[in-house]
Amino acid sequence: MKRIVLACAAGMSTSMVVTRMEKEATARGLEYQIYAIAEQNLRDELQNYGNEVVVVLLGPQVRFKLDENRKLTDSYHIPIAVIDSVAYGTLNGAKVLDQALALVD
């Protein structure tokens, strides 16, 4: 199954975004495994599932790690971006899902 990975500092608020994204994906009839991990675990995640991950989104609180993680995701040909901070802060799962999908297309 195709995976959308949200990488953040600890995962608490990001897990709420994930829940909203999952509901939106289901409503649209899309099949993605969407989940949050700690940013420091991204390397291991890609080593294990890099062939299934279609996009990585970083939580706004770890935006300073974008360049470092882009080097990693580029080696797997996976797009990466920082989650829109307004969409993140308002837990707008639809907008964050749209952001992820725009990177995949």
N, C-alpha and C. Protein backbone atom coordinates (compact mmCIF):
# COMPACT_ATOMS: atom_id res chain seq x y z
N MET A 1 0.84 -1.19 0.00
CA MET A 1 0.00 0.00 0.00
C MET A 1 0.88 1.24 0.00
N LYS A 2 0.43 2.28 -0.68
CA LYS A 2 1.17 3.54 -0.73
C LYS A 2 1.08 4.23 0.62
N ARG A 3 2.19 4.83 1.01
CA ARG A 3 2.30 5.46 2.33
C ARG A 3 2.55 6.95 2.22
N ILE A 4 1.88 7.71 3.09
CA ILE A 4 2.15 9.12 3.29
C ILE A 4 2.68 9.25 4.71
N VAL A 5 3.91 9.74 4.84
CA VAL A 5 4.55 9.81 6.14
C VAL A 5 4.64 11.26 6.59
N LEU A 6 4.17 11.52 7.80
CA LEU A 6 4.33 12.83 8.43
C LEU A 6 5.39 12.68 9.50
N ALA A 7 6.46 13.42 9.38
CA ALA A 7 7.56 13.34 10.34
C ALA A 7 7.58 14.61 11.17
N CYS A 8 7.60 14.44 12.48
CA CYS A 8 7.51 15.60 13.37
C CYS A 8 8.40 15.41 14.58
N ALA A 9 8.27 16.31 15.53
CA ALA A 9 9.11 16.27 16.73
C ALA A 9 8.73 15.10 17.64
N ALA A 10 7.47 15.01 18.03
CA ALA A 10 7.06 13.96 18.95
C ALA A 10 5.86 13.16 18.46
N GLY A 11 4.98 13.77 17.70
CA GLY A 11 3.88 13.03 17.12
C GLY A 11 2.51 13.26 17.71
N MET A 12 2.41 14.03 18.77
CA MET A 12 1.12 14.19 19.43
C MET A 12 0.13 14.99 18.57
N SER A 13 0.45 16.22 18.25
CA SER A 13 -0.47 17.01 17.44
C SER A 13 -0.53 16.49 16.01
N THR A 14 0.57 15.94 15.53
CA THR A 14 0.58 15.40 14.17
C THR A 14 -0.35 14.20 14.06
N SER A 15 -0.49 13.44 15.13
CA SER A 15 -1.39 12.29 15.07
C SER A 15 -2.84 12.74 14.88
N MET A 16 -3.19 13.92 15.38
CA MET A 16 -4.54 14.44 15.15
C MET A 16 -4.72 14.84 13.69
N VAL A 17 -3.68 15.39 13.09
CA VAL A 17 -3.73 15.73 11.67
C VAL A 17 -3.88 14.44 10.85
N VAL A 18 -3.14 13.41 11.22
CA VAL A 18 -3.22 12.12 10.53
C VAL A 18 -4.65 11.59 10.55
N THR A 19 -5.29 11.64 11.70
CA THR A 19 -6.67 11.14 11.82
C THR A 19 -7.59 11.88 10.86
N ARG A 20 -7.45 13.18 10.77
CA ARG A 20 -8.29 13.96 9.85
C ARG A 20 -7.95 13.66 8.40
N MET A 21 -6.68 13.44 8.12
CA MET A 21 -6.27 13.09 6.75
C MET A 21 -6.84 11.74 6.35
N GLU A 22 -6.81 10.78 7.26
CA GLU A 22 -7.34 9.45 6.98
C GLU A 22 -8.83 9.52 6.67
N LYS A 23 -9.56 10.29 7.46
CA LYS A 23 -11.01 10.45 7.21
C LYS A 23 -11.26 11.06 5.84
N GLU A 24 -10.48 12.06 5.49
CA GLU A 24 -10.64 12.72 4.20
C GLU A 24 -10.29 11.76 3.05
N ALA A 25 -9.22 11.02 3.20
CA ALA A 25 -8.82 10.06 2.17
C ALA A 25 -9.91 9.00 1.97
N THR A 26 -10.48 8.52 3.05
CA THR A 26 -11.55 7.53 2.96
C THR A 26 -12.77 8.13 2.26
N ALA A 27 -13.12 9.36 2.61
CA ALA A 27 -14.26 10.03 1.98
C ALA A 27 -14.05 10.20 0.47
N ARG A 28 -12.80 10.34 0.07
CA ARG A 28 -12.49 10.50 -1.36
C ARG A 28 -12.27 9.17 -2.08
N GLY A 29 -12.32 8.09 -1.32
CA GLY A 29 -12.09 6.78 -1.91
C GLY A 29 -10.63 6.49 -2.23
N LEU A 30 -9.73 7.17 -1.52
CA LEU A 30 -8.30 6.99 -1.73
C LEU A 30 -7.74 5.98 -0.73
N GLU A 31 -6.81 5.18 -1.18
CA GLU A 31 -6.21 4.18 -0.32
C GLU A 31 -4.75 4.49 -0.07
N TYR A 32 -4.49 5.09 1.05
CA TYR A 32 -3.14 5.40 1.50
C TYR A 32 -3.01 5.01 2.95
N GLN A 33 -1.84 4.55 3.33
CA GLN A 33 -1.54 4.38 4.74
C GLN A 33 -0.89 5.69 5.16
N ILE A 34 -1.56 6.41 6.05
CA ILE A 34 -1.09 7.72 6.49
C ILE A 34 -0.73 7.62 7.97
N TYR A 35 0.48 8.03 8.31
CA TYR A 35 0.89 7.91 9.71
C TYR A 35 2.01 8.89 10.04
N ALA A 36 2.19 9.10 11.33
CA ALA A 36 3.21 10.02 11.83
C ALA A 36 4.33 9.24 12.51
N ILE A 37 5.53 9.76 12.31
CA ILE A 37 6.70 9.20 12.99
C ILE A 37 7.53 10.36 13.52
N ALA A 38 8.42 10.05 14.43
CA ALA A 38 9.37 11.06 14.90
C ALA A 38 10.37 11.32 13.78
N GLU A 39 10.69 12.57 13.56
CA GLU A 39 11.59 12.94 12.45
C GLU A 39 12.92 12.17 12.52
N GLN A 40 13.42 11.93 13.71
CA GLN A 40 14.71 11.25 13.82
C GLN A 40 14.64 9.79 13.37
N ASN A 41 13.43 9.26 13.16
CA ASN A 41 13.27 7.88 12.70
C ASN A 41 13.04 7.77 11.19
N LEU A 42 13.10 8.90 10.49
CA LEU A 42 12.80 8.90 9.06
C LEU A 42 13.75 8.01 8.26
N ARG A 43 15.02 8.05 8.57
CA ARG A 43 15.99 7.22 7.84
C ARG A 43 15.61 5.74 7.93
N ASP A 44 15.32 5.26 9.13
CA ASP A 44 14.94 3.86 9.31
C ASP A 44 13.64 3.54 8.57
N GLU A 45 12.70 4.47 8.63
CA GLU A 45 11.41 4.27 7.97
C GLU A 45 11.60 4.09 6.46
N LEU A 46 12.45 4.91 5.88
CA LEU A 46 12.68 4.82 4.44
C LEU A 46 13.50 3.58 4.08
N GLN A 47 14.40 3.18 4.94
CA GLN A 47 15.14 1.94 4.69
C GLN A 47 14.20 0.74 4.67
N ASN A 48 13.19 0.78 5.53
CA ASN A 48 12.24 -0.33 5.62
C ASN A 48 11.12 -0.26 4.59
N TYR A 49 10.64 0.95 4.29
CA TYR A 49 9.44 1.09 3.46
C TYR A 49 9.60 2.10 2.31
N GLY A 50 10.82 2.45 1.97
CA GLY A 50 11.06 3.46 0.95
C GLY A 50 10.38 3.17 -0.38
N ASN A 51 10.19 1.90 -0.71
CA ASN A 51 9.53 1.56 -1.97
C ASN A 51 8.03 1.77 -1.91
N GLU A 52 7.46 2.00 -0.73
CA GLU A 52 6.02 2.22 -0.58
C GLU A 52 5.68 3.67 -0.25
N VAL A 53 6.64 4.43 0.27
CA VAL A 53 6.39 5.82 0.67
C VAL A 53 6.33 6.68 -0.59
N VAL A 54 5.23 7.43 -0.74
CA VAL A 54 5.07 8.28 -1.93
C VAL A 54 5.36 9.75 -1.63
N VAL A 55 5.29 10.14 -0.36
CA VAL A 55 5.57 11.53 0.02
C VAL A 55 5.86 11.59 1.51
N VAL A 56 6.74 12.53 1.88
CA VAL A 56 7.04 12.80 3.29
C VAL A 56 6.71 14.27 3.54
N LEU A 57 5.96 14.50 4.60
CA LEU A 57 5.66 15.86 5.04
C LEU A 57 6.26 16.07 6.42
N LEU A 58 6.99 17.15 6.58
CA LEU A 58 7.57 17.49 7.89
C LEU A 58 6.63 18.41 8.64
N GLY A 59 6.50 18.17 9.93
CA GLY A 59 5.74 19.08 10.78
C GLY A 59 6.42 20.43 10.84
N PRO A 60 5.65 21.50 10.97
CA PRO A 60 6.24 22.85 11.00
C PRO A 60 7.31 23.01 12.08
N GLN A 61 7.20 22.28 13.17
CA GLN A 61 8.16 22.43 14.26
C GLN A 61 9.54 21.86 13.92
N VAL A 62 9.64 21.08 12.84
CA VAL A 62 10.95 20.56 12.42
C VAL A 62 11.30 21.06 11.01
N ARG A 63 10.74 22.19 10.62
CA ARG A 63 10.98 22.74 9.27
C ARG A 63 12.47 23.00 9.03
N PHE A 64 13.21 23.28 10.09
CA PHE A 64 14.64 23.54 9.96
C PHE A 64 15.42 22.30 9.52
N LYS A 65 14.80 21.14 9.53
CA LYS A 65 15.44 19.89 9.11
C LYS A 65 15.12 19.53 7.66
N LEU A 66 14.46 20.43 6.94
CA LEU A 66 14.03 20.13 5.56
C LEU A 66 15.22 19.79 4.66
N ASP A 67 16.22 20.62 4.62
CA ASP A 67 17.35 20.38 3.71
C ASP A 67 18.06 19.06 4.02
N GLU A 68 18.26 18.80 5.30
CA GLU A 68 18.90 17.56 5.72
C GLU A 68 18.09 16.35 5.26
N ASN A 69 16.77 16.41 5.46
CA ASN A 69 15.92 15.28 5.09
C ASN A 69 15.68 15.18 3.59
N ARG A 70 15.77 16.30 2.88
CA ARG A 70 15.62 16.27 1.42
C ARG A 70 16.73 15.42 0.80
N LYS A 71 17.93 15.51 1.33
CA LYS A 71 19.03 14.68 0.83
C LYS A 71 18.68 13.20 0.97
N LEU A 72 18.07 12.86 2.07
CA LEU A 72 17.67 11.47 2.32
C LEU A 72 16.54 11.05 1.38
N THR A 73 15.48 11.85 1.31
CA THR A 73 14.33 11.46 0.48
C THR A 73 14.68 11.49 -1.01
N ASP A 74 15.56 12.39 -1.41
CA ASP A 74 15.98 12.43 -2.82
C ASP A 74 16.61 11.12 -3.25
N SER A 75 17.33 10.48 -2.35
CA SER A 75 17.97 9.21 -2.70
C SER A 75 16.95 8.11 -2.96
N TYR A 76 15.72 8.30 -2.47
CA TYR A 76 14.63 7.35 -2.71
C TYR A 76 13.65 7.89 -3.76
N HIS A 77 13.93 9.07 -4.30
CA HIS A 77 13.04 9.73 -5.27
C HIS A 77 11.65 9.97 -4.68
N ILE A 78 11.64 10.42 -3.42
CA ILE A 78 10.41 10.71 -2.70
C ILE A 78 10.34 12.21 -2.45
N PRO A 79 9.23 12.86 -2.84
CA PRO A 79 9.11 14.29 -2.56
C PRO A 79 8.93 14.56 -1.07
N ILE A 80 9.39 15.73 -0.65
CA ILE A 80 9.28 16.13 0.76
C ILE A 80 8.95 17.61 0.82
N ALA A 81 8.16 18.00 1.82
CA ALA A 81 7.83 19.40 2.03
C ALA A 81 7.46 19.58 3.50
N VAL A 82 7.41 20.85 3.91
CA VAL A 82 6.94 21.18 5.26
C VAL A 82 5.44 21.39 5.18
N ILE A 83 4.71 20.84 6.12
CA ILE A 83 3.26 21.00 6.16
C ILE A 83 2.92 22.47 6.33
N ASP A 84 1.96 22.93 5.55
CA ASP A 84 1.46 24.29 5.68
C ASP A 84 1.09 24.54 7.15
N SER A 85 1.69 25.57 7.74
CA SER A 85 1.52 25.79 9.18
C SER A 85 0.09 26.14 9.57
N VAL A 86 -0.64 26.85 8.71
CA VAL A 86 -2.04 27.17 9.03
C VAL A 86 -2.89 25.90 8.99
N ALA A 87 -2.70 25.08 7.96
CA ALA A 87 -3.45 23.82 7.86
C ALA A 87 -3.12 22.92 9.05
N TYR A 88 -1.85 22.89 9.43
CA TYR A 88 -1.42 22.08 10.57
C TYR A 88 -2.06 22.58 11.86
N GLY A 89 -1.97 23.89 12.08
CA GLY A 89 -2.48 24.48 13.32
C GLY A 89 -3.98 24.37 13.47
N THR A 90 -4.70 24.32 12.35
CA THR A 90 -6.17 24.20 12.41
C THR A 90 -6.63 22.76 12.21
N LEU A 91 -5.67 21.84 12.15
CA LEU A 91 -5.96 20.41 11.96
C LEU A 91 -6.80 20.17 10.71
N ASN A 92 -6.47 20.89 9.63
CA ASN A 92 -7.21 20.79 8.38
C ASN A 92 -6.66 19.61 7.57
N GLY A 93 -7.19 18.43 7.85
CA GLY A 93 -6.73 17.21 7.19
C GLY A 93 -6.90 17.24 5.69
N ALA A 94 -7.98 17.86 5.22
CA ALA A 94 -8.22 17.93 3.77
C ALA A 94 -7.13 18.74 3.08
N LYS A 95 -6.76 19.85 3.66
CA LYS A 95 -5.74 20.71 3.06
C LYS A 95 -4.37 20.04 3.09
N VAL A 96 -4.05 19.38 4.18
CA VAL A 96 -2.76 18.69 4.27
C VAL A 96 -2.72 17.51 3.29
N LEU A 97 -3.84 16.80 3.16
CA LEU A 97 -3.91 15.72 2.17
C LEU A 97 -3.73 16.28 0.76
N ASP A 98 -4.38 17.38 0.47
CA ASP A 98 -4.21 18.03 -0.84
C ASP A 98 -2.74 18.39 -1.09
N GLN A 99 -2.08 18.89 -0.06
CA GLN A 99 -0.67 19.25 -0.19
C GLN A 99 0.15 18.00 -0.52
N ALA A 100 -0.11 16.91 0.19
CA ALA A 100 0.62 15.66 -0.07
C ALA A 100 0.37 15.16 -1.49
N LEU A 101 -0.88 15.15 -1.90
CA LEU A 101 -1.23 14.63 -3.22
C LEU A 101 -0.65 15.49 -4.34
N ALA A 102 -0.56 16.79 -4.12
CA ALA A 102 0.01 17.69 -5.13
C ALA A 102 1.50 17.37 -5.35
N LEU A 103 2.16 16.89 -4.33
CA LEU A 103 3.57 16.53 -4.46
C LEU A 103 3.76 15.21 -5.18
N VAL A 104 2.76 14.36 -5.09
CA VAL A 104 2.84 13.03 -5.72
C VAL A 104 2.57 13.13 -7.20
N ASP A 105 1.63 13.97 -7.60
CA ASP A 105 1.24 14.07 -9.03
C ASP A 105 2.31 14.67 -9.89
